PDB file of N, CA and C in Angstrom:
ATOM      1  N   MET A   1     151.202  65.336 110.421  1.00  0.00           N
ATOM      2  CA  MET A   1     152.495  64.869 110.776  1.00  0.00           C
ATOM      3  C   MET A   1     152.513  64.792 112.354  1.00  0.00           C
ATOM      4  N   GLU A   2     152.650  63.765 112.867  1.00  0.00           N
ATOM      5  CA  GLU A   2     152.352  63.572 114.447  1.00  0.00           C
ATOM      6  C   GLU A   2     153.917  63.849 115.223  1.00  0.00           C
ATOM      7  N   THR A   3     153.964  64.771 116.124  1.00  0.00           N
ATOM      8  CA  THR A   3     155.158  64.847 116.775  1.00  0.00           C
ATOM      9  C   THR A   3     155.085  64.165 118.062  1.00  0.00           C
ATOM     10  N   THR A   4     156.033  63.424 118.417  1.00  0.00           N
ATOM     11  CA  THR A   4     156.116  62.764 119.780  1.00  0.00           C
ATOM     12  C   THR A   4     157.331  63.492 120.525  1.00  0.00           C
ATOM     13  N   TYR A   5     157.098  63.478 121.719  1.00  0.00           N
ATOM     14  CA  TYR A   5     157.982  64.124 122.765  1.00  0.00           C
ATOM     15  C   TYR A   5     158.678  62.928 123.635  1.00  0.00           C
ATOM     16  N   GLU A   6     159.620  62.713 123.696  1.00  0.00           N
ATOM     17  CA  GLU A   6     160.436  61.878 124.439  1.00  0.00           C
ATOM     18  C   GLU A   6     160.661  62.580 125.728  1.00  0.00           C
ATOM     19  N   THR A   7     160.386  62.056 126.878  1.00  0.00           N
ATOM     20  CA  THR A   7     160.702  62.643 128.345  1.00  0.00           C
ATOM     21  C   THR A   7     161.705  61.708 128.983  1.00  0.00           C
ATOM     22  N   SER A   8     162.653  61.769 129.326  1.00  0.00           N
ATOM     23  CA  SER A   8     163.497  60.850 130.134  1.00  0.00           C
ATOM     24  C   SER A   8     163.232  60.933 131.686  1.00  0.00           C
ATOM     25  N   ALA A   9     162.734  59.869 132.129  1.00  0.00           N
ATOM     26  CA  ALA A   9     162.317  60.031 133.749  1.00  0.00           C
ATOM     27  C   ALA A   9     164.071  60.014 134.455  1.00  0.00           C
ATOM     28  N   PRO A  10     164.047  60.760 135.385  1.00  0.00           N
ATOM     29  CA  PRO A  10     165.301  60.448 136.221  1.00  0.00           C
ATOM     30  C   PRO A  10     165.625  59.159 136.620  1.00  0.00           C
ATOM     31  N   SER A  11     166.796  58.763 136.781  1.00  0.00           N
ATOM     32  CA  SER A  11     166.987  57.360 137.194  1.00  0.00           C
ATOM     33  C   SER A  11     166.750  57.279 138.659  1.00  0.00           C
ATOM     34  N   GLN A  12     166.877  55.964 138.974  1.00  0.00           N
ATOM     35  CA  GLN A  12     166.690  55.741 140.550  1.00  0.00           C
ATOM     36  C   GLN A  12     167.924  56.267 141.277  1.00  0.00           C
ATOM     37  N   GLU A  13     169.130  56.233 140.551  1.00  0.00           N
ATOM     38  CA  GLU A  13     170.228  56.808 141.154  1.00  0.00           C
ATOM     39  C   GLU A  13     170.230  58.303 141.370  1.00  0.00           C
ATOM     40  N   ALA A  14     169.623  58.881 140.418  1.00  0.00           N
ATOM     41  CA  ALA A  14     169.650  60.439 140.570  1.00  0.00           C
ATOM     42  C   ALA A  14     168.530  60.871 141.435  1.00  0.00           C
ATOM     43  N   ILE A  15     167.539  59.942 141.482  1.00  0.00           N
ATOM     44  CA  ILE A  15     166.512  60.265 142.564  1.00  0.00           C
ATOM     45  C   ILE A  15     167.132  60.048 144.104  1.00  0.00           C
ATOM     46  N   ASP A  16     167.837  59.017 144.255  1.00  0.00           N
ATOM     47  CA  ASP A  16     168.349  58.706 145.381  1.00  0.00           C
ATOM     48  C   ASP A  16     169.427  59.738 145.779  1.00  0.00           C
ATOM     49  N   GLU A  17     170.266  60.238 144.876  1.00  0.00           N
ATOM     50  CA  GLU A  17     171.259  61.374 145.144  1.00  0.00           C
ATOM     51  C   GLU A  17     170.624  62.475 145.609  1.00  0.00           C
ATOM     52  N   GLU A  18     169.408  62.916 144.872  1.00  0.00           N
ATOM     53  CA  GLU A  18     168.845  64.082 145.277  1.00  0.00           C
ATOM     54  C   GLU A  18     168.027  64.045 146.706  1.00  0.00           C
ATOM     55  N   SER A  19     167.617  62.770 147.131  1.00  0.00           N
ATOM     56  CA  SER A  19     167.121  62.389 148.362  1.00  0.00           C
ATOM     57  C   SER A  19     168.146  62.498 149.331  1.00  0.00           C
ATOM     58  N   ARG A  20     169.370  62.200 149.228  1.00  0.00           N
ATOM     59  CA  ARG A  20     170.480  62.608 149.971  1.00  0.00           C
ATOM     60  C   ARG A  20     170.887  63.796 150.427  1.00  0.00           C
ATOM     61  N   ARG A  21     170.680  64.533 149.121  1.00  0.00           N
ATOM     62  CA  ARG A  21     171.146  66.095 149.260  1.00  0.00           C
ATOM     63  C   ARG A  21     170.131  66.706 150.074  1.00  0.00           C
ATOM     64  N   ILE A  22     168.928  66.372 150.012  1.00  0.00           N
ATOM     65  CA  ILE A  22     167.866  66.908 150.699  1.00  0.00           C
ATOM     66  C   ILE A  22     167.873  66.641 152.254  1.00  0.00           C
ATOM     67  N   ARG A  23     168.216  65.415 152.423  1.00  0.00           N
ATOM     68  CA  ARG A  23     168.388  64.914 153.722  1.00  0.00           C
ATOM     69  C   ARG A  23     169.555  65.699 154.558  1.00  0.00           C
ATOM     70  N   ARG A  24     170.679  65.755 153.762  1.00  0.00           N
ATOM     71  CA  ARG A  24     171.855  66.546 154.430  1.00  0.00           C
ATOM     72  C   ARG A  24     171.613  68.041 154.601  1.00  0.00           C
ATOM     73  N   LEU A  25     170.737  68.567 153.644  1.00  0.00           N
ATOM     74  CA  LEU A  25     170.324  70.120 153.799  1.00  0.00           C
ATOM     75  C   LEU A  25     169.367  70.219 154.871  1.00  0.00           C
ATOM     76  N   ARG A  26     168.496  69.401 155.279  1.00  0.00           N
ATOM     77  CA  ARG A  26     167.438  69.370 156.352  1.00  0.00           C
ATOM     78  C   ARG A  26     168.330  69.245 157.706  1.00  0.00           C
ATOM     79  N   ILE A  27     169.424  68.324 157.734  1.00  0.00           N
ATOM     80  CA  ILE A  27     170.256  68.250 159.035  1.00  0.00           C
ATOM     81  C   ILE A  27     170.988  69.385 159.071  1.00  0.00           C
ATOM     82  N   LEU A  28     171.637  69.974 158.139  1.00  0.00           N
ATOM     83  CA  LEU A  28     172.353  71.226 158.177  1.00  0.00           C
ATOM     84  C   LEU A  28     171.549  72.458 158.844  1.00  0.00           C
ATOM     85  N   VAL A  29     170.354  72.682 158.121  1.00  0.00           N
ATOM     86  CA  VAL A  29     169.365  73.672 158.620  1.00  0.00           C
ATOM     87  C   VAL A  29     169.080  73.475 160.113  1.00  0.00           C
ATOM     88  N   ASN A  30     168.694  72.124 160.499  1.00  0.00           N
ATOM     89  CA  ASN A  30     168.356  71.812 161.870  1.00  0.00           C
ATOM     90  C   ASN A  30     169.479  72.113 162.759  1.00  0.00           C
ATOM     91  N   LEU A  31     170.717  71.753 162.396  1.00  0.00           N
ATOM     92  CA  LEU A  31     171.585  71.912 163.360  1.00  0.00           C
ATOM     93  C   LEU A  31     172.100  73.500 163.642  1.00  0.00           C
ATOM     94  N   THR A  32     171.765  74.242 162.266  1.00  0.00           N
ATOM     95  CA  THR A  32     172.101  75.726 162.440  1.00  0.00           C
ATOM     96  C   THR A  32     171.000  76.354 163.246  1.00  0.00           C
ATOM     97  N   LEU A  33     169.801  75.910 163.148  1.00  0.00           N
ATOM     98  CA  LEU A  33     168.689  76.556 163.952  1.00  0.00           C
ATOM     99  C   LEU A  33     168.896  75.985 165.481  1.00  0.00           C
ATOM    100  N   GLU A  34     169.358  74.925 165.671  1.00  0.00           N
ATOM    101  CA  GLU A  34     169.682  74.682 167.161  1.00  0.00           C
ATOM    102  C   GLU A  34     170.810  75.425 167.841  1.00  0.00           C
ATOM    103  N   THR A  35     171.809  75.584 166.989  1.00  0.00           N
ATOM    104  CA  THR A  35     172.948  76.195 167.456  1.00  0.00           C
ATOM    105  C   THR A  35     172.526  77.834 167.765  1.00  0.00           C
ATOM    106  N   ILE A  36     171.804  78.323 166.891  1.00  0.00           N
ATOM    107  CA  ILE A  36     171.177  79.718 167.114  1.00  0.00           C
ATOM    108  C   ILE A  36     170.353  79.591 168.299  1.00  0.00           C
ATOM    109  N   ALA A  37     169.555  78.780 168.453  1.00  0.00           N
ATOM    110  CA  ALA A  37     168.690  78.754 169.666  1.00  0.00           C
ATOM    111  C   ALA A  37     169.224  78.588 170.944  1.00  0.00           C
ATOM    112  N   GLY A  38     170.461  77.992 171.013  1.00  0.00           N
ATOM    113  CA  GLY A  38     171.180  77.865 172.152  1.00  0.00           C
ATOM    114  C   GLY A  38     171.657  79.298 172.771  1.00  0.00           C
ATOM    115  N   GLY A  39     171.830  80.221 171.990  1.00  0.00           N
ATOM    116  CA  GLY A  39     172.066  81.473 172.608  1.00  0.00           C
ATOM    117  C   GLY A  39     173.419  81.912 172.649  1.00  0.00           C
ATOM    118  N   GLY A  40     174.306  81.093 172.190  1.00  0.00           N
ATOM    119  CA  GLY A  40     175.650  81.281 172.635  1.00  0.00           C
ATOM    120  C   GLY A  40     176.401  82.026 171.628  1.00  0.00           C
ATOM    121  N   LEU A  41     175.673  82.439 170.590  1.00  0.00           N
ATOM    122  CA  LEU A  41     176.322  83.038 169.475  1.00  0.00           C
ATOM    123  C   LEU A  41     175.866  84.701 169.605  1.00  0.00           C
ATOM    124  N   SER A  42     176.697  85.601 169.120  1.00  0.00           N
ATOM    125  CA  SER A  42     176.401  86.941 169.013  1.00  0.00           C
ATOM    126  C   SER A  42     175.221  87.153 167.537  1.00  0.00           C
ATOM    127  N   PRO A  43     174.699  88.027 167.672  1.00  0.00           N
ATOM    128  CA  PRO A  43     173.751  88.082 166.596  1.00  0.00           C
ATOM    129  C   PRO A  43     174.489  88.013 164.942  1.00  0.00           C
ATOM    130  N   GLU A  44     175.548  88.742 165.138  1.00  0.00           N
ATOM    131  CA  GLU A  44     176.519  88.641 163.787  1.00  0.00           C
ATOM    132  C   GLU A  44     176.870  87.151 163.570  1.00  0.00           C
ATOM    133  N   GLN A  45     177.318  86.542 164.546  1.00  0.00           N
ATOM    134  CA  GLN A  45     177.823  85.168 164.276  1.00  0.00           C
ATOM    135  C   GLN A  45     176.757  84.348 163.822  1.00  0.00           C
ATOM    136  N   ALA A  46     175.525  84.483 164.343  1.00  0.00           N
ATOM    137  CA  ALA A  46     174.155  83.777 164.013  1.00  0.00           C
ATOM    138  C   ALA A  46     173.949  84.024 162.522  1.00  0.00           C
ATOM    139  N   ALA A  47     174.026  85.380 162.197  1.00  0.00           N
ATOM    140  CA  ALA A  47     173.800  85.692 160.878  1.00  0.00           C
ATOM    141  C   ALA A  47     174.917  84.980 159.934  1.00  0.00           C
ATOM    142  N   GLY A  48     176.015  85.010 160.321  1.00  0.00           N
ATOM    143  CA  GLY A  48     177.042  84.594 159.626  1.00  0.00           C
ATOM    144  C   GLY A  48     176.852  83.007 159.100  1.00  0.00           C
ATOM    145  N   MET A  49     176.374  82.320 160.148  1.00  0.00           N
ATOM    146  CA  MET A  49     176.022  80.736 160.167  1.00  0.00           C
ATOM    147  C   MET A  49     174.821  80.642 159.071  1.00  0.00           C
ATOM    148  N   VAL A  50     173.753  81.561 159.113  1.00  0.00           N
ATOM    149  CA  VAL A  50     172.642  81.605 158.322  1.00  0.00           C
ATOM    150  C   VAL A  50     173.200  81.667 156.840  1.00  0.00           C
ATOM    151  N   ALA A  51     174.031  82.618 156.669  1.00  0.00           N
ATOM    152  CA  ALA A  51     174.630  83.044 155.337  1.00  0.00           C
ATOM    153  C   ALA A  51     175.553  81.824 154.946  1.00  0.00           C
ATOM    154  N   ALA A  52     176.153  81.170 155.603  1.00  0.00           N
ATOM    155  CA  ALA A  52     176.847  79.841 155.416  1.00  0.00           C
ATOM    156  C   ALA A  52     176.123  78.908 155.029  1.00  0.00           C
ATOM    157  N   THR A  53     175.119  78.682 155.735  1.00  0.00           N
ATOM    158  CA  THR A  53     174.055  77.528 155.494  1.00  0.00           C
ATOM    159  C   THR A  53     173.501  77.921 153.918  1.00  0.00           C
ATOM    160  N   ARG A  54     173.164  79.020 153.670  1.00  0.00           N
ATOM    161  CA  ARG A  54     172.620  79.531 152.406  1.00  0.00           C
ATOM    162  C   ARG A  54     173.403  79.186 151.286  1.00  0.00           C
ATOM    163  N   ARG A  55     174.756  79.512 151.672  1.00  0.00           N
ATOM    164  CA  ARG A  55     175.772  79.246 150.540  1.00  0.00           C
ATOM    165  C   ARG A  55     175.963  77.785 150.321  1.00  0.00           C
ATOM    166  N   VAL A  56     176.070  76.880 151.429  1.00  0.00           N
ATOM    167  CA  VAL A  56     176.176  75.310 151.227  1.00  0.00           C
ATOM    168  C   VAL A  56     174.878  75.024 150.282  1.00  0.00           C
ATOM    169  N   ALA A  57     173.853  75.281 150.780  1.00  0.00           N
ATOM    170  CA  ALA A  57     172.530  74.891 150.292  1.00  0.00           C
ATOM    171  C   ALA A  57     172.602  75.253 148.808  1.00  0.00           C
ATOM    172  N   LEU A  58     173.008  76.337 148.320  1.00  0.00           N
ATOM    173  CA  LEU A  58     172.981  76.862 146.974  1.00  0.00           C
ATOM    174  C   LEU A  58     174.239  76.043 146.071  1.00  0.00           C
ATOM    175  N   GLU A  59     175.149  75.657 147.139  1.00  0.00           N
ATOM    176  CA  GLU A  59     176.166  74.706 146.167  1.00  0.00           C
ATOM    177  C   GLU A  59     175.461  73.368 145.915  1.00  0.00           C
ATOM    178  N   MET A  60     174.633  72.817 146.894  1.00  0.00           N
ATOM    179  CA  MET A  60     174.099  71.481 146.629  1.00  0.00           C
ATOM    180  C   MET A  60     173.125  71.658 145.621  1.00  0.00           C
ATOM    181  N   PHE A  61     172.354  72.734 145.696  1.00  0.00           N
ATOM    182  CA  PHE A  61     171.137  72.939 144.737  1.00  0.00           C
ATOM    183  C   PHE A  61     171.344  74.158 143.921  1.00  0.00           C
ATOM    184  N   PRO A  62     172.227  74.359 142.960  1.00  0.00           N
ATOM    185  CA  PRO A  62     172.465  75.628 142.189  1.00  0.00           C
ATOM    186  C   PRO A  62     171.151  75.963 141.688  1.00  0.00           C
ATOM    187  N   GLY A  63     170.970  77.419 141.698  1.00  0.00           N
ATOM    188  CA  GLY A  63     169.927  78.152 141.202  1.00  0.00           C
ATOM    189  C   GLY A  63     168.694  78.044 141.908  1.00  0.00           C
ATOM    190  N   LYS A  64     168.640  77.729 143.110  1.00  0.00           N
ATOM    191  CA  LYS A  64     167.488  77.383 143.867  1.00  0.00           C
ATOM    192  C   LYS A  64     167.331  78.723 144.972  1.00  0.00           C
ATOM    193  N   GLU A  65     167.846  79.716 144.736  1.00  0.00           N
ATOM    194  CA  GLU A  65     167.862  80.760 145.626  1.00  0.00           C
ATOM    195  C   GLU A  65     166.551  81.053 146.196  1.00  0.00           C
ATOM    196  N   ARG A  66     165.607  81.209 145.356  1.00  0.00           N
ATOM    197  CA  ARG A  66     164.183  81.343 145.511  1.00  0.00           C
ATOM    198  C   ARG A  66     163.533  80.482 146.349  1.00  0.00           C
ATOM    199  N   THR A  67     163.817  79.162 146.179  1.00  0.00           N
ATOM    200  CA  THR A  67     163.240  77.949 147.025  1.00  0.00           C
ATOM    201  C   THR A  67     163.690  78.026 148.422  1.00  0.00           C
ATOM    202  N   PHE A  68     165.256  78.359 148.518  1.00  0.00           N
ATOM    203  CA  PHE A  68     165.703  78.334 149.917  1.00  0.00           C
ATOM    204  C   PHE A  68     165.121  79.607 150.665  1.00  0.00           C
ATOM    205  N   ASP A  69     165.023  80.890 149.978  1.00  0.00           N
ATOM    206  CA  ASP A  69     164.344  82.039 150.482  1.00  0.00           C
ATOM    207  C   ASP A  69     162.879  81.707 151.008  1.00  0.00           C
ATOM    208  N   LEU A  70     162.159  81.141 150.310  1.00  0.00           N
ATOM    209  CA  LEU A  70     160.672  80.591 150.502  1.00  0.00           C
ATOM    210  C   LEU A  70     160.623  79.612 151.805  1.00  0.00           C
ATOM    211  N   ILE A  71     161.363  78.754 151.758  1.00  0.00           N
ATOM    212  CA  ILE A  71     161.439  77.619 152.737  1.00  0.00           C
ATOM    213  C   ILE A  71     161.976  77.782 154.011  1.00  0.00           C
ATOM    214  N   TYR A  72     163.274  78.159 153.948  1.00  0.00           N
ATOM    215  CA  TYR A  72     164.233  78.188 155.042  1.00  0.00           C
ATOM    216  C   TYR A  72     164.383  79.525 155.676  1.00  0.00           C
ATOM    217  N   LYS A  73     164.463  80.667 154.743  1.00  0.00           N
ATOM    218  CA  LYS A  73     164.576  82.008 155.337  1.00  0.00           C
ATOM    219  C   LYS A  73     163.439  82.390 156.611  1.00  0.00           C
ATOM    220  N   PRO A  74     162.420  82.046 156.350  1.00  0.00           N
ATOM    221  CA  PRO A  74     161.490  82.446 157.304  1.00  0.00           C
ATOM    222  C   PRO A  74     161.767  81.678 158.828  1.00  0.00           C
ATOM    223  N   GLN A  75     162.115  80.396 158.531  1.00  0.00           N
ATOM    224  CA  GLN A  75     162.484  79.704 159.786  1.00  0.00           C
ATOM    225  C   GLN A  75     163.756  80.562 160.663  1.00  0.00           C
ATOM    226  N   PHE A  76     164.853  80.794 159.725  1.00  0.00           N
ATOM    227  CA  PHE A  76     165.878  81.473 160.388  1.00  0.00           C
ATOM    228  C   PHE A  76     165.505  82.907 160.882  1.00  0.00           C
ATOM    229  N   GLN A  77     164.602  83.481 160.228  1.00  0.00           N
ATOM    230  CA  GLN A  77     164.144  84.805 160.811  1.00  0.00           C
ATOM    231  C   GLN A  77     163.386  84.750 161.989  1.00  0.00           C
ATOM    232  N   ARG A  78     162.570  83.619 162.225  1.00  0.00           N
ATOM    233  CA  ARG A  78     161.783  83.370 163.354  1.00  0.00           C
ATOM    234  C   ARG A  78     162.706  83.195 164.373  1.00  0.00           C
ATOM    235  N   MET A  79     163.702  82.390 164.307  1.00  0.00           N
ATOM    236  CA  MET A  79     164.735  82.041 165.150  1.00  0.00           C
ATOM    237  C   MET A  79     165.538  83.251 165.625  1.00  0.00           C
ATOM    238  N   MET A  80     165.946  84.053 164.726  1.00  0.00           N
ATOM    239  CA  MET A  80     166.862  85.207 164.983  1.00  0.00           C
ATOM    240  C   MET A  80     165.887  86.047 165.898  1.00  0.00           C
ATOM    241  N   HIS A  81     164.610  86.244 165.673  1.00  0.00           N
ATOM    242  CA  HIS A  81     163.719  87.123 166.348  1.00  0.00           C
ATOM    243  C   HIS A  81     163.667  86.576 167.817  1.00  0.00           C
ATOM    244  N   ALA A  82     163.337  85.394 167.888  1.00  0.00           N
ATOM    245  CA  ALA A  82     163.178  84.736 169.198  1.00  0.00           C
ATOM    246  C   ALA A  82     164.401  84.875 170.108  1.00  0.00           C
ATOM    247  N   VAL A  83     165.217  84.687 169.546  1.00  0.00           N
ATOM    248  CA  VAL A  83     166.637  84.658 170.289  1.00  0.00           C
ATOM    249  C   VAL A  83     167.238  86.211 170.582  1.00  0.00           C
ATOM    250  N   TYR A  84     167.244  86.869 169.616  1.00  0.00           N
ATOM    251  CA  TYR A  84     167.780  88.183 169.729  1.00  0.00           C
ATOM    252  C   TYR A  84     166.900  89.233 169.667  1.00  0.00           C
ATOM    253  N   ARG A  85     165.720  89.047 169.556  1.00  0.00           N
ATOM    254  CA  ARG A  85     164.773  90.019 169.430  1.00  0.00           C
ATOM    255  C   ARG A  85     164.904  90.985 168.134  1.00  0.00           C
ATOM    256  N   LEU A  86     165.185  90.347 167.239  1.00  0.00           N
ATOM    257  CA  LEU A  86     165.428  91.157 165.893  1.00  0.00           C
ATOM    258  C   LEU A  86     164.401  90.686 164.838  1.00  0.00           C
ATOM    259  N   GLN A  87     164.057  91.812 164.195  1.00  0.00           N
ATOM    260  CA  GLN A  87     163.081  91.701 162.941  1.00  0.00           C
ATOM    261  C   GLN A  87     163.594  91.014 161.630  1.00  0.00           C
TER     262      GLN A  87
END
């Protein structure tokens, strides 16, 4: 007996929606990085912005904590270190 598996490819609409969410996330991350780079925030305020950005990212992409931490967390850490001399 032969078993066939049907996989449904995502619709173009779903692909477009995910692309929009990715684009929005990139804009949010870049704005957060630029704001921190400006140096007008206290380290606590900057850390709060990073945490808020992470929360929004996880609302947009539920269950992707590890992905966020692998891709964006190092960028935020480098910026925080550069601006505030934090590790």
